[in-house]
Protein backbone atom coordinates (compact mmCIF):
# COMPACT_ATOMS: atom_id res chain seq x y z
CA UNK A 1 45.28 43.42 41.16
CA UNK A 2 45.86 44.81 37.75
CA UNK A 3 46.75 41.35 36.58
CA UNK A 4 43.60 39.86 37.92
CA UNK A 5 41.43 42.61 36.21
CA UNK A 6 43.23 41.91 33.06
CA UNK A 7 42.60 38.11 33.28
CA UNK A 8 38.84 38.69 33.99
CA UNK A 9 38.33 41.24 31.39
CA UNK A 10 40.22 38.92 29.02
CA UNK A 11 37.97 36.01 30.04
CA UNK A 12 34.75 37.76 29.56
CA UNK A 13 35.51 39.02 26.17
CA UNK A 14 33.53 37.10 23.51
CA UNK A 15 35.69 35.63 20.69
CA UNK A 16 34.27 34.44 17.35
CA UNK A 17 33.81 30.90 17.15
CA UNK A 18 36.62 29.06 15.19
CA UNK A 19 35.14 25.54 15.26
CA UNK A 20 31.70 23.95 15.44
CA UNK A 21 30.42 22.81 18.87
CA UNK A 22 29.74 19.09 19.74
CA UNK A 23 26.01 19.70 19.69
CA UNK A 24 26.14 21.40 16.13
CA UNK A 25 28.16 18.39 14.86
CA UNK A 26 25.67 15.77 16.33
CA UNK A 27 22.58 17.48 14.64
CA UNK A 28 24.41 17.81 11.32
CA UNK A 29 25.42 14.06 11.50
CA UNK A 30 21.85 13.15 12.54
CA UNK A 31 20.48 15.04 9.60
CA UNK A 32 22.94 13.43 7.12
CA UNK A 33 22.13 9.92 8.35
CA UNK A 34 18.51 10.40 8.31
CA UNK A 35 18.77 11.50 4.63
CA UNK A 36 21.11 8.71 3.74
CA UNK A 37 18.99 6.03 5.19
CA UNK A 38 15.89 7.57 3.66
CA UNK A 39 17.47 7.42 0.14
CA UNK A 40 18.74 3.89 0.79
CA UNK A 41 15.29 2.77 1.67
CA UNK A 42 13.85 4.21 -1.57
CA UNK A 43 16.58 2.65 -3.76
CA UNK A 44 15.84 -0.79 -2.02
CA UNK A 45 12.17 -0.64 -3.00
CA UNK A 46 13.17 0.45 -6.67
CA UNK A 47 15.52 -2.46 -6.89
CA UNK A 48 12.72 -4.92 -5.62
CA UNK A 49 10.31 -3.48 -8.28
CA UNK A 50 12.87 -3.85 -10.90
CA UNK A 51 13.50 -7.47 -9.96
CA UNK A 52 9.70 -8.05 -10.16
CA UNK A 53 9.56 -6.40 -13.62
CA UNK A 54 12.44 -8.70 -14.93
CA UNK A 55 10.43 -11.95 -13.89
CA UNK A 56 10.66 -14.42 -16.65
CA UNK A 57 7.75 -16.48 -15.83
CA UNK A 58 4.20 -16.70 -16.46
CA UNK A 59 1.72 -15.26 -13.86
CA UNK A 60 -1.96 -16.10 -13.24
CA UNK A 61 -2.60 -12.50 -14.59
CA UNK A 62 -1.22 -13.27 -17.91
CA UNK A 63 -3.61 -16.42 -18.14
CA UNK A 64 -6.60 -14.34 -17.09
CA UNK A 65 -5.81 -11.78 -19.61
CA UNK A 66 -5.44 -14.45 -22.45
CA UNK A 67 -8.63 -16.36 -21.34
CA UNK A 68 -10.98 -13.47 -21.10
CA UNK A 69 -9.63 -11.40 -23.94
CA UNK A 70 -11.11 -14.13 -26.44
CA UNK A 71 -14.37 -14.69 -24.95
CA UNK A 72 -17.36 -12.68 -23.78
CA UNK A 73 -18.62 -15.30 -21.47
CA UNK A 74 -17.46 -17.95 -18.98
CA UNK A 75 -18.55 -21.52 -18.27
CA UNK A 76 -18.60 -23.49 -15.08
CA UNK A 77 -15.80 -26.02 -14.88
CA UNK A 78 -12.02 -26.53 -14.74
CA UNK A 79 -9.76 -26.30 -17.48
CA UNK A 80 -6.17 -26.92 -17.52
CA UNK A 81 -3.14 -26.57 -20.01
CA UNK A 82 0.40 -26.04 -20.46
CA UNK A 83 2.13 -23.11 -22.06
CA UNK A 84 3.97 -25.06 -24.58
CA UNK A 85 7.33 -24.52 -25.69
CA UNK A 86 7.25 -20.92 -24.31
CA UNK A 87 7.34 -21.67 -20.65
CA UNK A 88 8.49 -25.35 -20.08
CA UNK A 89 7.53 -26.95 -17.05
CA UNK A 90 4.78 -24.37 -16.33
CA UNK A 91 1.14 -25.48 -16.11
CA UNK A 92 -2.25 -23.36 -15.49
CA UNK A 93 -5.44 -24.52 -14.22
CA UNK A 94 -8.64 -22.32 -14.37
CA UNK A 95 -11.62 -23.31 -12.13
CA UNK A 96 -14.83 -21.36 -12.74
CA UNK A 97 -17.77 -21.60 -10.16
CA UNK A 98 -21.21 -20.03 -10.58
CA UNK A 99 -22.06 -18.15 -7.29
CA UNK A 100 -25.34 -16.42 -8.20
CA UNK A 101 -27.13 -15.56 -11.27
CA UNK A 102 -24.49 -14.55 -13.48
CA UNK A 103 -21.58 -13.97 -10.85
CA UNK A 104 -18.83 -16.37 -11.33
CA UNK A 105 -15.75 -16.93 -9.09
CA UNK A 106 -12.57 -17.65 -11.23
CA UNK A 107 -9.42 -19.12 -9.65
CA UNK A 108 -6.45 -19.31 -11.90
CA UNK A 109 -3.26 -21.18 -10.63
CA UNK A 110 0.04 -21.44 -12.20
CA UNK A 111 2.41 -24.24 -11.26
CA UNK A 112 5.93 -24.90 -12.09
CA UNK A 113 6.77 -28.57 -11.91
CA UNK A 114 3.83 -29.19 -9.61
CA UNK A 115 4.73 -26.46 -7.07
CA UNK A 116 2.50 -23.28 -6.68
CA UNK A 117 4.14 -20.17 -8.62
CA UNK A 118 1.20 -17.84 -9.02
CA UNK A 119 -2.52 -17.65 -8.18
CA UNK A 120 -5.50 -15.31 -8.82
CA UNK A 121 -8.98 -15.17 -7.71
CA UNK A 122 -11.39 -12.92 -9.66
CA UNK A 123 -14.93 -12.28 -9.80
CA UNK A 124 -16.95 -12.02 -13.23
CA UNK A 125 -20.45 -11.29 -14.17
CA UNK A 126 -22.07 -12.62 -17.31
CA UNK A 127 -25.45 -11.21 -18.17
CA UNK A 128 -26.32 -14.26 -20.37
CA UNK A 129 -26.09 -16.68 -17.65
CA UNK A 130 -29.36 -18.66 -16.51
CA UNK A 131 -29.29 -20.69 -13.25
CA UNK A 132 -30.39 -24.18 -13.65
CA UNK A 133 -32.61 -25.31 -10.81
């Protein structure tokens, strides 16, 4: 009987934990993987943004900046040209359509060897425009 009491008292004593439980390890692993995959997703976005910044080709936005920086107004019609020696094989086209009194829709398309590379549609207002009837 004394032996049985010793065993029961020994089993009922609370010992200090010497290792982590399975639940603690699973929670720590989950937190670690969530943080790791979050950081990897952010790094992936940064890499895509850096690749876009390294693009060495003309865009429709570049054409628009050049066209509208040198003029205060726009005219209806279509204009097309190349980029010369800077970007061989690239060509831009600008189509300007009068929508209403002074409001124009301007479509700019950049192509490379006949294939669409970049496109932009913007609306401009020119106060000096009179609609022809």
